[in-house]
């Protein structure tokens, strides 16, 4: 069996956060047939992303819903949101959903990416 990927962290404002890429990598290792979905809603300059995390349980054919994560970004509100507000909201929502589903090695549901953008 493959060795489970080690979590990767970033320290921001003196607090350690796990990156979204690390959470996704660990989730994919643990549940290669799991699923992460994200719905994007555009409201003028506001972007709302809603992510869902699903896994396939050993005895079931259907996916089981584990957690949701929501993020909101305002176009132009930060340097990253001038060009990539949709992507930023999506990444934050996915990271939050994975954190709430248990893929967070620090105890912080917030991700390094979303805290760095404040």
PDB file of N, CA and C in Angstrom:
ATOM      1  N   UNK A   1       0.846  -1.180   0.000  1.00  0.00           N
ATOM      2  CA  UNK A   1       0.000   0.000   0.000  1.00  0.00           C
ATOM      3  C   UNK A   1       0.892   1.245   0.000  1.00  0.00           C
ATOM      4  N   UNK A   2       0.499   2.245  -0.746  1.00  0.00           N
ATOM      5  CA  UNK A   2       1.253   3.493  -0.803  1.00  0.00           C
ATOM      6  C   UNK A   2       1.264   4.169   0.558  1.00  0.00           C
ATOM      7  N   UNK A   3       2.383   4.806   0.836  1.00  0.00           N
ATOM      8  CA  UNK A   3       2.483   5.570   2.078  1.00  0.00           C
ATOM      9  C   UNK A   3       1.610   6.812   1.979  1.00  0.00           C
ATOM     10  N   UNK A   4       0.882   7.089   3.049  1.00  0.00           N
ATOM     11  CA  UNK A   4      -0.002   8.261   3.058  1.00  0.00           C
ATOM     12  C   UNK A   4       0.833   9.533   2.967  1.00  0.00           C
ATOM     13  N   UNK A   5       0.442  10.469   2.092  1.00  0.00           N
ATOM     14  CA  UNK A   5       1.195  11.723   1.979  1.00  0.00           C
ATOM     15  C   UNK A   5       1.193  12.487   3.299  1.00  0.00           C
ATOM     16  N   UNK A   6       2.321  13.069   3.610  1.00  0.00           N
ATOM     17  CA  UNK A   6       2.427  13.895   4.816  1.00  0.00           C
ATOM     18  C   UNK A   6       1.759  15.241   4.560  1.00  0.00           C
ATOM     19  N   UNK A   7       1.105  15.806   5.563  1.00  0.00           N
ATOM     20  CA  UNK A   7       0.499  17.126   5.388  1.00  0.00           C
ATOM     21  C   UNK A   7       1.570  18.188   5.128  1.00  0.00           C
ATOM     22  N   UNK A   8       1.199  19.188   4.342  1.00  0.00           N
ATOM     23  CA  UNK A   8       2.074  20.328   4.088  1.00  0.00           C
ATOM     24  C   UNK A   8       1.435  21.564   4.702  1.00  0.00           C
ATOM     25  N   UNK A   9       2.267  22.403   5.317  1.00  0.00           N
ATOM     26  CA  UNK A   9       1.771  23.534   6.081  1.00  0.00           C
ATOM     27  C   UNK A   9       2.370  24.847   5.603  1.00  0.00           C
ATOM     28  N   UNK A  10       1.689  25.908   5.949  1.00  0.00           N
ATOM     29  CA  UNK A  10       2.204  27.267   5.802  1.00  0.00           C
ATOM     30  C   UNK A  10       1.945  27.962   7.128  1.00  0.00           C
ATOM     31  N   UNK A  11       2.892  28.794   7.555  1.00  0.00           N
ATOM     32  CA  UNK A  11       2.692  29.560   8.780  1.00  0.00           C
ATOM     33  C   UNK A  11       2.347  30.986   8.397  1.00  0.00           C
ATOM     34  N   UNK A  12       1.199  31.440   8.893  1.00  0.00           N
ATOM     35  CA  UNK A  12       0.710  32.774   8.565  1.00  0.00           C
ATOM     36  C   UNK A  12       0.285  33.451   9.859  1.00  0.00           C
ATOM     37  N   UNK A  13       0.821  34.631  10.106  1.00  0.00           N
ATOM     38  CA  UNK A  13       0.503  35.384  11.315  1.00  0.00           C
ATOM     39  C   UNK A  13       0.721  34.545  12.575  1.00  0.00           C
ATOM     40  N   UNK A  14       1.765  33.701  12.556  1.00  0.00           N
ATOM     41  CA  UNK A  14       2.111  32.905  13.725  1.00  0.00           C
ATOM     42  C   UNK A  14       1.280  31.658  13.928  1.00  0.00           C
ATOM     43  N   UNK A  15       0.394  31.331  13.000  1.00  0.00           N
ATOM     44  CA  UNK A  15      -0.443  30.140  13.119  1.00  0.00           C
ATOM     45  C   UNK A  15      -0.170  29.228  11.938  1.00  0.00           C
ATOM     46  N   UNK A  16      -0.158  27.933  12.198  1.00  0.00           N
ATOM     47  CA  UNK A  16       0.099  26.935  11.161  1.00  0.00           C
ATOM     48  C   UNK A  16      -1.205  26.495  10.515  1.00  0.00           C
ATOM     49  N   UNK A  17      -1.226  26.474   9.172  1.00  0.00           N
ATOM     50  CA  UNK A  17      -2.398  26.052   8.406  1.00  0.00           C
ATOM     51  C   UNK A  17      -1.967  25.011   7.381  1.00  0.00           C
ATOM     52  N   UNK A  18      -2.836  24.046   7.137  1.00  0.00           N
ATOM     53  CA  UNK A  18      -2.570  23.080   6.077  1.00  0.00           C
ATOM     54  C   UNK A  18      -3.041  23.663   4.748  1.00  0.00           C
ATOM     55  N   UNK A  19      -2.250  23.462   3.705  1.00  0.00           N
ATOM     56  CA  UNK A  19      -2.631  23.988   2.394  1.00  0.00           C
ATOM     57  C   UNK A  19      -3.759  23.159   1.792  1.00  0.00           C
ATOM     58  N   UNK A  20      -4.494  23.750   0.862  1.00  0.00           N
ATOM     59  CA  UNK A  20      -5.572  23.031   0.183  1.00  0.00           C
ATOM     60  C   UNK A  20      -4.991  21.897  -0.658  1.00  0.00           C
ATOM     61  N   UNK A  21      -3.891  22.149  -1.337  1.00  0.00           N
ATOM     62  CA  UNK A  21      -3.273  21.096  -2.153  1.00  0.00           C
ATOM     63  C   UNK A  21      -2.939  19.876  -1.299  1.00  0.00           C
ATOM     64  N   UNK A  22      -2.462  20.101  -0.095  1.00  0.00           N
ATOM     65  CA  UNK A  22      -2.143  19.006   0.817  1.00  0.00           C
ATOM     66  C   UNK A  22      -3.408  18.253   1.224  1.00  0.00           C
ATOM     67  N   UNK A  23      -4.461  18.979   1.536  1.00  0.00           N
ATOM     68  CA  UNK A  23      -5.721  18.335   1.925  1.00  0.00           C
ATOM     69  C   UNK A  23      -6.270  17.489   0.782  1.00  0.00           C
ATOM     70  N   UNK A  24      -6.234  18.044  -0.426  1.00  0.00           N
ATOM     71  CA  UNK A  24      -6.743  17.310  -1.596  1.00  0.00           C
ATOM     72  C   UNK A  24      -5.899  16.060  -1.833  1.00  0.00           C
ATOM     73  N   UNK A  25      -4.591  16.176  -1.779  1.00  0.00           N
ATOM     74  CA  UNK A  25      -3.695  15.038  -2.003  1.00  0.00           C
ATOM     75  C   UNK A  25      -3.969  13.928  -0.990  1.00  0.00           C
ATOM     76  N   UNK A  26      -4.121  14.293   0.277  1.00  0.00           N
ATOM     77  CA  UNK A  26      -4.388  13.287   1.309  1.00  0.00           C
ATOM     78  C   UNK A  26      -5.769  12.660   1.143  1.00  0.00           C
ATOM     79  N   UNK A  27      -6.775  13.475   0.773  1.00  0.00           N
ATOM     80  CA  UNK A  27      -8.119  12.941   0.519  1.00  0.00           C
ATOM     81  C   UNK A  27      -8.084  11.947  -0.631  1.00  0.00           C
ATOM     82  N   UNK A  28      -7.431  12.310  -1.744  1.00  0.00           N
ATOM     83  CA  UNK A  28      -7.355  11.436  -2.921  1.00  0.00           C
ATOM     84  C   UNK A  28      -6.630  10.132  -2.590  1.00  0.00           C
ATOM     85  N   UNK A  29      -5.627  10.206  -1.730  1.00  0.00           N
ATOM     86  CA  UNK A  29      -4.930   8.986  -1.311  1.00  0.00           C
ATOM     87  C   UNK A  29      -5.872   8.094  -0.502  1.00  0.00           C
ATOM     88  N   UNK A  30      -6.586   8.685   0.442  1.00  0.00           N
ATOM     89  CA  UNK A  30      -7.473   7.917   1.323  1.00  0.00           C
ATOM     90  C   UNK A  30      -8.715   7.399   0.601  1.00  0.00           C
ATOM     91  N   UNK A  31      -9.222   8.165  -0.361  1.00  0.00           N
ATOM     92  CA  UNK A  31     -10.466   7.808  -1.056  1.00  0.00           C
ATOM     93  C   UNK A  31     -10.323   8.090  -2.548  1.00  0.00           C
ATOM     94  N   UNK A  32      -9.574   7.266  -3.279  1.00  0.00           N
ATOM     95  CA  UNK A  32      -9.352   7.528  -4.703  1.00  0.00           C
ATOM     96  C   UNK A  32     -10.636   7.551  -5.531  1.00  0.00           C
ATOM     97  N   UNK A  33     -11.696   6.920  -5.037  1.00  0.00           N
ATOM     98  CA  UNK A  33     -12.965   6.965  -5.758  1.00  0.00           C
ATOM     99  C   UNK A  33     -13.947   7.941  -5.104  1.00  0.00           C
ATOM    100  N   UNK A  34     -13.443   8.788  -4.213  1.00  0.00           N
ATOM    101  CA  UNK A  34     -14.265   9.834  -3.607  1.00  0.00           C
ATOM    102  C   UNK A  34     -14.481  10.960  -4.605  1.00  0.00           C
ATOM    103  N   UNK A  35     -15.220  11.958  -4.192  1.00  0.00           N
ATOM    104  CA  UNK A  35     -15.560  13.055  -5.097  1.00  0.00           C
ATOM    105  C   UNK A  35     -15.597  14.381  -4.344  1.00  0.00           C
ATOM    106  N   UNK A  36     -15.129  15.416  -5.023  1.00  0.00           N
ATOM    107  CA  UNK A  36     -15.229  16.784  -4.516  1.00  0.00           C
ATOM    108  C   UNK A  36     -15.917  17.584  -5.614  1.00  0.00           C
ATOM    109  N   UNK A  37     -17.030  18.206  -5.277  1.00  0.00           N
ATOM    110  CA  UNK A  37     -17.726  19.029  -6.263  1.00  0.00           C
ATOM    111  C   UNK A  37     -17.749  20.473  -5.776  1.00  0.00           C
ATOM    112  N   UNK A  38     -17.914  21.390  -6.716  1.00  0.00           N
ATOM    113  CA  UNK A  38     -17.989  22.798  -6.342  1.00  0.00           C
ATOM    114  C   UNK A  38     -18.944  23.514  -7.281  1.00  0.00           C
ATOM    115  N   UNK A  39     -19.871  24.237  -6.705  1.00  0.00           N
ATOM    116  CA  UNK A  39     -20.825  25.045  -7.453  1.00  0.00           C
ATOM    117  C   UNK A  39     -20.448  26.503  -7.253  1.00  0.00           C
ATOM    118  N   UNK A  40     -20.318  27.234  -8.353  1.00  0.00           N
ATOM    119  CA  UNK A  40     -19.949  28.648  -8.308  1.00  0.00           C
ATOM    120  C   UNK A  40     -21.178  29.491  -8.628  1.00  0.00           C
ATOM    121  N   UNK A  41     -21.419  30.508  -7.808  1.00  0.00           N
ATOM    122  CA  UNK A  41     -22.518  31.450  -8.030  1.00  0.00           C
ATOM    123  C   UNK A  41     -21.918  32.846  -8.185  1.00  0.00           C
ATOM    124  N   UNK A  42     -22.250  33.514  -9.279  1.00  0.00           N
ATOM    125  CA  UNK A  42     -21.740  34.856  -9.539  1.00  0.00           C
ATOM    126  C   UNK A  42     -22.851  35.870  -9.318  1.00  0.00           C
ATOM    127  N   UNK A  43     -22.604  36.818  -8.418  1.00  0.00           N
ATOM    128  CA  UNK A  43     -23.577  37.857  -8.094  1.00  0.00           C
ATOM    129  C   UNK A  43     -22.876  39.205  -8.236  1.00  0.00           C
ATOM    130  N   UNK A  44     -22.950  39.815  -9.381  1.00  0.00           N
ATOM    131  CA  UNK A  44     -22.227  41.050  -9.688  1.00  0.00           C
ATOM    132  C   UNK A  44     -20.747  40.858  -9.377  1.00  0.00           C
ATOM    133  N   UNK A  45     -20.201  41.539  -8.384  1.00  0.00           N
ATOM    134  CA  UNK A  45     -18.783  41.408  -8.041  1.00  0.00           C
ATOM    135  C   UNK A  45     -18.526  40.382  -6.944  1.00  0.00           C
ATOM    136  N   UNK A  46     -19.550  39.669  -6.521  1.00  0.00           N
ATOM    137  CA  UNK A  46     -19.411  38.680  -5.458  1.00  0.00           C
ATOM    138  C   UNK A  46     -19.420  37.273  -6.046  1.00  0.00           C
ATOM    139  N   UNK A  47     -18.489  36.467  -5.590  1.00  0.00           N
ATOM    140  CA  UNK A  47     -18.421  35.063  -6.001  1.00  0.00           C
ATOM    141  C   UNK A  47     -18.653  34.221  -4.762  1.00  0.00           C
ATOM    142  N   UNK A  48     -19.593  33.295  -4.857  1.00  0.00           N
ATOM    143  CA  UNK A  48     -19.854  32.359  -3.772  1.00  0.00           C
ATOM    144  C   UNK A  48     -19.581  30.964  -4.311  1.00  0.00           C
ATOM    145  N   UNK A  49     -18.749  30.235  -3.599  1.00  0.00           N
ATOM    146  CA  UNK A  49     -18.423  28.859  -3.975  1.00  0.00           C
ATOM    147  C   UNK A  49     -18.913  27.926  -2.881  1.00  0.00           C
ATOM    148  N   UNK A  50     -19.556  26.846  -3.302  1.00  0.00           N
ATOM    149  CA  UNK A  50     -20.063  25.847  -2.356  1.00  0.00           C
ATOM    150  C   UNK A  50     -19.507  24.485  -2.767  1.00  0.00           C
ATOM    151  N   UNK A  51     -18.662  23.924  -1.923  1.00  0.00           N
ATOM    152  CA  UNK A  51     -18.021  22.638  -2.220  1.00  0.00           C
ATOM    153  C   UNK A  51     -18.644  21.537  -1.366  1.00  0.00           C
ATOM    154  N   UNK A  52     -18.635  20.329  -1.905  1.00  0.00           N
ATOM    155  CA  UNK A  52     -19.134  19.150  -1.201  1.00  0.00           C
ATOM    156  C   UNK A  52     -18.098  18.036  -1.329  1.00  0.00           C
ATOM    157  N   UNK A  53     -17.929  17.278  -0.252  1.00  0.00           N
ATOM    158  CA  UNK A  53     -17.002  16.151  -0.232  1.00  0.00           C
ATOM    159  C   UNK A  53     -17.811  14.871  -0.032  1.00  0.00           C
ATOM    160  N   UNK A  54     -17.505  13.884  -0.882  1.00  0.00           N
ATOM    161  CA  UNK A  54     -18.182  12.583  -0.832  1.00  0.00           C
ATOM    162  C   UNK A  54     -17.142  11.464  -0.813  1.00  0.00           C
ATOM    163  N   UNK A  55     -17.462  10.368  -0.135  1.00  0.00           N
ATOM    164  CA  UNK A  55     -16.632   9.168  -0.189  1.00  0.00           C
ATOM    165  C   UNK A  55     -17.511   7.970  -0.518  1.00  0.00           C
ATOM    166  N   UNK A  56     -16.865   6.935  -1.033  1.00  0.00           N
ATOM    167  CA  UNK A  56     -17.566   5.669  -1.259  1.00  0.00           C
ATOM    168  C   UNK A  56     -17.222   4.772  -0.080  1.00  0.00           C
ATOM    169  N   UNK A  57     -18.222   4.309   0.625  1.00  0.00           N
ATOM    170  CA  UNK A  57     -17.984   3.434   1.766  1.00  0.00           C
ATOM    171  C   UNK A  57     -17.769   2.010   1.257  1.00  0.00           C
ATOM    172  N   UNK A  58     -17.050   1.184   2.004  1.00  0.00           N
ATOM    173  CA  UNK A  58     -16.706  -0.157   1.526  1.00  0.00           C
ATOM    174  C   UNK A  58     -17.914  -1.030   1.170  1.00  0.00           C
ATOM    175  N   UNK A  59     -19.013  -0.857   1.852  1.00  0.00           N
ATOM    176  CA  UNK A  59     -20.167  -1.728   1.628  1.00  0.00           C
ATOM    177  C   UNK A  59     -21.243  -1.094   0.749  1.00  0.00           C
ATOM    178  N   UNK A  60     -21.016   0.109   0.275  1.00  0.00           N
ATOM    179  CA  UNK A  60     -22.051   0.799  -0.496  1.00  0.00           C
ATOM    180  C   UNK A  60     -21.550   1.159  -1.886  1.00  0.00           C
ATOM    181  N   UNK A  61     -22.456   1.170  -2.825  1.00  0.00           N
ATOM    182  CA  UNK A  61     -22.114   1.580  -4.179  1.00  0.00           C
ATOM    183  C   UNK A  61     -22.249   3.087  -4.355  1.00  0.00           C
ATOM    184  N   UNK A  62     -23.115   3.687  -3.568  1.00  0.00           N
ATOM    185  CA  UNK A  62     -23.340   5.126  -3.682  1.00  0.00           C
ATOM    186  C   UNK A  62     -22.299   5.903  -2.887  1.00  0.00           C
ATOM    187  N   UNK A  63     -22.133   7.154  -3.272  1.00  0.00           N
ATOM    188  CA  UNK A  63     -21.243   8.034  -2.526  1.00  0.00           C
ATOM    189  C   UNK A  63     -21.965   8.566  -1.288  1.00  0.00           C
ATOM    190  N   UNK A  64     -21.236   8.706  -0.198  1.00  0.00           N
ATOM    191  CA  UNK A  64     -21.785   9.241   1.043  1.00  0.00           C
ATOM    192  C   UNK A  64     -21.281  10.676   1.213  1.00  0.00           C
ATOM    193  N   UNK A  65     -22.201  11.585   1.445  1.00  0.00           N
ATOM    194  CA  UNK A  65     -21.861  12.995   1.643  1.00  0.00           C
ATOM    195  C   UNK A  65     -21.236  13.166   3.021  1.00  0.00           C
ATOM    196  N   UNK A  66     -20.048  13.810   3.062  1.00  0.00           N
ATOM    197  CA  UNK A  66     -19.360  14.020   4.328  1.00  0.00           C
ATOM    198  C   UNK A  66     -19.463  15.442   4.851  1.00  0.00           C
ATOM    199  N   UNK A  67     -19.246  16.420   3.969  1.00  0.00           N
ATOM    200  CA  UNK A  67     -19.180  17.797   4.461  1.00  0.00           C
ATOM    201  C   UNK A  67     -19.348  18.794   3.329  1.00  0.00           C
ATOM    202  N   UNK A  68     -19.704  20.012   3.717  1.00  0.00           N
ATOM    203  CA  UNK A  68     -19.816  21.144   2.797  1.00  0.00           C
ATOM    204  C   UNK A  68     -18.830  22.223   3.231  1.00  0.00           C
ATOM    205  N   UNK A  69     -18.430  23.038   2.294  1.00  0.00           N
ATOM    206  CA  UNK A  69     -17.623  24.207   2.599  1.00  0.00           C
ATOM    207  C   UNK A  69     -18.068  25.350   1.705  1.00  0.00           C
ATOM    208  N   UNK A  70     -18.160  26.530   2.265  1.00  0.00           N
ATOM    209  CA  UNK A  70     -18.603  27.701   1.517  1.00  0.00           C
ATOM    210  C   UNK A  70     -17.562  28.801   1.636  1.00  0.00           C
ATOM    211  N   UNK A  71     -17.382  29.527   0.540  1.00  0.00           N
ATOM    212  CA  UNK A  71     -16.464  30.667   0.555  1.00  0.00           C
ATOM    213  C   UNK A  71     -17.054  31.783  -0.297  1.00  0.00           C
ATOM    214  N   UNK A  72     -16.722  32.999   0.062  1.00  0.00           N
ATOM    215  CA  UNK A  72     -17.179  34.178  -0.675  1.00  0.00           C
ATOM    216  C   UNK A  72     -15.976  35.069  -0.950  1.00  0.00           C
ATOM    217  N   UNK A  73     -15.899  35.568  -2.155  1.00  0.00           N
ATOM    218  CA  UNK A  73     -14.850  36.513  -2.529  1.00  0.00           C
ATOM    219  C   UNK A  73     -15.479  37.670  -3.287  1.00  0.00           C
ATOM    220  N   UNK A  74     -14.859  38.825  -3.176  1.00  0.00           N
ATOM    221  CA  UNK A  74     -15.301  40.022  -3.891  1.00  0.00           C
ATOM    222  C   UNK A  74     -14.230  40.365  -4.931  1.00  0.00           C
ATOM    223  N   UNK A  75     -14.637  40.473  -6.185  1.00  0.00           N
ATOM    224  CA  UNK A  75     -13.683  40.825  -7.242  1.00  0.00           C
ATOM    225  C   UNK A  75     -12.978  42.135  -6.886  1.00  0.00           C
ATOM    226  N   UNK A  76     -11.646  42.123  -7.002  1.00  0.00           N
ATOM    227  CA  UNK A  76     -10.858  43.321  -6.768  1.00  0.00           C
ATOM    228  C   UNK A  76     -10.577  43.638  -5.318  1.00  0.00           C
ATOM    229  N   UNK A  77     -11.044  42.811  -4.382  1.00  0.00           N
ATOM    230  CA  UNK A  77     -10.867  43.118  -2.958  1.00  0.00           C
ATOM    231  C   UNK A  77      -9.454  42.833  -2.450  1.00  0.00           C
ATOM    232  N   UNK A  78      -8.673  42.102  -3.221  1.00  0.00           N
ATOM    233  CA  UNK A  78      -7.279  41.813  -2.878  1.00  0.00           C
ATOM    234  C   UNK A  78      -6.519  41.646  -4.190  1.00  0.00           C
ATOM    235  N   UNK A  79      -5.208  41.548  -4.089  1.00  0.00           N
ATOM    236  CA  UNK A  79      -4.404  41.383  -5.302  1.00  0.00           C
ATOM    237  C   UNK A  79      -4.831  40.133  -6.074  1.00  0.00           C
ATOM    238  N   UNK A  80      -4.984  39.012  -5.386  1.00  0.00           N
ATOM    239  CA  UNK A  80      -5.374  37.766  -6.055  1.00  0.00           C
ATOM    240  C   UNK A  80      -6.778  37.867  -6.640  1.00  0.00           C
ATOM    241  N   UNK A  81      -7.675  38.597  -5.976  1.00  0.00           N
ATOM    242  CA  UNK A  81      -9.052  38.695  -6.453  1.00  0.00           C
ATOM    243  C   UNK A  81      -9.220  39.661  -7.623  1.00  0.00           C
ATOM    244  N   UNK A  82      -8.164  40.368  -7.990  1.00  0.00           N
ATOM    245  CA  UNK A  82      -8.231  41.207  -9.184  1.00  0.00           C
ATOM    246  C   UNK A  82      -8.271  40.354 -10.443  1.00  0.00           C
ATOM    247  N   UNK A  83      -7.626  39.182 -10.406  1.00  0.00           N
ATOM    248  CA  UNK A  83      -7.569  38.329 -11.594  1.00  0.00           C
ATOM    249  C   UNK A  83      -8.163  36.948 -11.393  1.00  0.00           C
ATOM    250  N   UNK A  84      -8.269  36.484 -10.140  1.00  0.00           N
ATOM    251  CA  UNK A  84      -8.619  35.080  -9.896  1.00  0.00           C
ATOM    252  C   UNK A  84      -9.600  34.896  -8.749  1.00  0.00           C
ATOM    253  N   UNK A  85     -10.608  35.738  -8.683  1.00  0.00           N
ATOM    254  CA  UNK A  85     -11.564  35.659  -7.571  1.00  0.00           C
ATOM    255  C   UNK A  85     -12.354  34.352  -7.587  1.00  0.00           C
ATOM    256  N   UNK A  86     -12.733  33.881  -8.767  1.00  0.00           N
ATOM    257  CA  UNK A  86     -13.500  32.628  -8.859  1.00  0.00           C
ATOM    258  C   UNK A  86     -12.650  31.459  -8.376  1.00  0.00           C
ATOM    259  N   UNK A  87     -11.426  31.380  -8.874  1.00  0.00           N
ATOM    260  CA  UNK A  87     -10.530  30.296  -8.485  1.00  0.00           C
ATOM    261  C   UNK A  87     -10.216  30.350  -6.989  1.00  0.00           C
ATOM    262  N   UNK A  88     -10.038  31.552  -6.468  1.00  0.00           N
ATOM    263  CA  UNK A  88      -9.758  31.730  -5.049  1.00  0.00           C
ATOM    264  C   UNK A  88     -10.928  31.243  -4.198  1.00  0.00           C
ATOM    265  N   UNK A  89     -12.140  31.605  -4.582  1.00  0.00           N
ATOM    266  CA  UNK A  89     -13.323  31.154  -3.838  1.00  0.00           C
ATOM    267  C   UNK A  89     -13.464  29.637  -3.910  1.00  0.00           C
ATOM    268  N   UNK A  90     -13.239  29.075  -5.086  1.00  0.00           N
ATOM    269  CA  UNK A  90     -13.342  27.627  -5.250  1.00  0.00           C
ATOM    270  C   UNK A  90     -12.327  26.901  -4.362  1.00  0.00           C
ATOM    271  N   UNK A  91     -11.081  27.351  -4.391  1.00  0.00           N
ATOM    272  CA  UNK A  91     -10.038  26.733  -3.575  1.00  0.00           C
ATOM    273  C   UNK A  91     -10.377  26.813  -2.093  1.00  0.00           C
ATOM    274  N   UNK A  92     -10.831  27.966  -1.639  1.00  0.00           N
ATOM    275  CA  UNK A  92     -11.189  28.123  -0.227  1.00  0.00           C
ATOM    276  C   UNK A  92     -12.345  27.215   0.160  1.00  0.00           C
ATOM    277  N   UNK A  93     -13.373  27.139  -0.683  1.00  0.00           N
ATOM    278  CA  UNK A  93     -14.533  26.291  -0.372  1.00  0.00           C
ATOM    279  C   UNK A  93     -14.131  24.820  -0.292  1.00  0.00           C
ATOM    280  N   UNK A  94     -13.299  24.375  -1.231  1.00  0.00           N
ATOM    281  CA  UNK A  94     -12.844  22.979  -1.218  1.00  0.00           C
ATOM    282  C   UNK A  94     -12.008  22.709   0.031  1.00  0.00           C
ATOM    283  N   UNK A  95     -11.112  23.612   0.357  1.00  0.00           N
ATOM    284  CA  UNK A  95     -10.287  23.437   1.553  1.00  0.00           C
ATOM    285  C   UNK A  95     -11.109  23.387   2.819  1.00  0.00           C
ATOM    286  N   UNK A  96     -12.115  24.239   2.913  1.00  0.00           N
ATOM    287  CA  UNK A  96     -12.978  24.253   4.092  1.00  0.00           C
ATOM    288  C   UNK A  96     -13.790  22.957   4.182  1.00  0.00           C
ATOM    289  N   UNK A  97     -14.331  22.500   3.058  1.00  0.00           N
ATOM    290  CA  UNK A  97     -15.105  21.252   3.061  1.00  0.00           C
ATOM    291  C   UNK A  97     -14.226  20.076   3.497  1.00  0.00           C
ATOM    292  N   UNK A  98     -13.015  20.007   2.957  1.00  0.00           N
ATOM    293  CA  UNK A  98     -12.111  18.927   3.356  1.00  0.00           C
ATOM    294  C   UNK A  98     -11.734  19.034   4.829  1.00  0.00           C
ATOM    295  N   UNK A  99     -11.519  20.244   5.311  1.00  0.00           N
ATOM    296  CA  UNK A  99     -11.213  20.427   6.730  1.00  0.00           C
ATOM    297  C   UNK A  99     -12.354  19.954   7.616  1.00  0.00           C
ATOM    298  N   UNK A 100     -13.568  20.299   7.243  1.00  0.00           N
ATOM    299  CA  UNK A 100     -14.731  19.877   8.021  1.00  0.00           C
ATOM    300  C   UNK A 100     -14.959  18.366   7.935  1.00  0.00           C
ATOM    301  N   UNK A 101     -14.505  17.761   6.835  1.00  0.00           N
ATOM    302  CA  UNK A 101     -14.646  16.310   6.662  1.00  0.00           C
ATOM    303  C   UNK A 101     -13.525  15.535   7.355  1.00  0.00           C
ATOM    304  N   UNK A 102     -12.551  16.242   7.928  1.00  0.00           N
ATOM    305  CA  UNK A 102     -11.505  15.570   8.677  1.00  0.00           C
ATOM    306  C   UNK A 102     -10.120  15.637   8.067  1.00  0.00           C
ATOM    307  N   UNK A 103      -9.981  16.232   6.904  1.00  0.00           N
ATOM    308  CA  UNK A 103      -8.662  16.355   6.282  1.00  0.00           C
ATOM    309  C   UNK A 103      -8.069  17.715   6.626  1.00  0.00           C
ATOM    310  N   UNK A 104      -7.732  17.853   7.885  1.00  0.00           N
ATOM    311  CA  UNK A 104      -7.058  19.044   8.389  1.00  0.00           C
ATOM    312  C   UNK A 104      -6.141  18.589   9.510  1.00  0.00           C
ATOM    313  N   UNK A 105      -4.861  18.771   9.329  1.00  0.00           N
ATOM    314  CA  UNK A 105      -3.886  18.260  10.286  1.00  0.00           C
ATOM    315  C   UNK A 105      -3.515  19.264  11.372  1.00  0.00           C
ATOM    316  N   UNK A 106      -4.188  20.415  11.415  1.00  0.00           N
ATOM    317  CA  UNK A 106      -3.814  21.437  12.389  1.00  0.00           C
ATOM    318  C   UNK A 106      -4.909  21.807  13.377  1.00  0.00           C
ATOM    319  N   UNK A 107      -6.137  21.446  13.089  1.00  0.00           N
ATOM    320  CA  UNK A 107      -7.248  21.887  13.930  1.00  0.00           C
ATOM    321  C   UNK A 107      -7.834  23.203  13.449  1.00  0.00           C
ATOM    322  N   UNK A 108      -7.321  23.720  12.333  1.00  0.00           N
ATOM    323  CA  UNK A 108      -7.837  24.960  11.741  1.00  0.00           C
ATOM    324  C   UNK A 108      -8.599  24.621  10.468  1.00  0.00           C
ATOM    325  N   UNK A 109      -9.891  24.827  10.467  1.00  0.00           N
ATOM    326  CA  UNK A 109     -10.666  24.566   9.261  1.00  0.00           C
ATOM    327  C   UNK A 109     -10.241  25.543   8.164  1.00  0.00           C
ATOM    328  N   UNK A 110      -9.904  26.753   8.539  1.00  0.00           N
ATOM    329  CA  UNK A 110      -9.412  27.724   7.553  1.00  0.00           C
ATOM    330  C   UNK A 110      -8.163  27.170   6.898  1.00  0.00           C
ATOM    331  N   UNK A 111      -7.947  27.559   5.646  1.00  0.00           N
ATOM    332  CA  UNK A 111      -6.784  27.085   4.905  1.00  0.00           C
ATOM    333  C   UNK A 111      -5.705  28.155   4.850  1.00  0.00           C
ATOM    334  N   UNK A 112      -4.507  27.727   4.561  1.00  0.00           N
ATOM    335  CA  UNK A 112      -3.392  28.673   4.417  1.00  0.00           C
ATOM    336  C   UNK A 112      -3.720  29.716   3.347  1.00  0.00           C
ATOM    337  N   UNK A 113      -4.320  29.266   2.258  1.00  0.00           N
ATOM    338  CA  UNK A 113      -4.619  30.159   1.150  1.00  0.00           C
ATOM    339  C   UNK A 113      -5.626  31.243   1.544  1.00  0.00           C
ATOM    340  N   UNK A 114      -6.680  30.863   2.263  1.00  0.00           N
ATOM    341  CA  UNK A 114      -7.685  31.864   2.578  1.00  0.00           C
ATOM    342  C   UNK A 114      -7.194  32.849   3.636  1.00  0.00           C
ATOM    343  N   UNK A 115      -6.374  32.390   4.566  1.00  0.00           N
ATOM    344  CA  UNK A 115      -5.842  33.293   5.587  1.00  0.00           C
ATOM    345  C   UNK A 115      -4.798  34.222   4.981  1.00  0.00           C
ATOM    346  N   UNK A 116      -4.008  33.722   4.043  1.00  0.00           N
ATOM    347  CA  UNK A 116      -2.978  34.540   3.400  1.00  0.00           C
ATOM    348  C   UNK A 116      -3.589  35.673   2.593  1.00  0.00           C
ATOM    349  N   UNK A 117      -4.826  35.517   2.164  1.00  0.00           N
ATOM    350  CA  UNK A 117      -5.478  36.534   1.323  1.00  0.00           C
ATOM    351  C   UNK A 117      -6.192  37.600   2.129  1.00  0.00           C
ATOM    352  N   UNK A 118      -6.092  37.543   3.446  1.00  0.00           N
ATOM    353  CA  UNK A 118      -6.775  38.554   4.263  1.00  0.00           C
ATOM    354  C   UNK A 118      -5.943  39.789   4.411  1.00  0.00           C
TER     355      UNK A 118
END
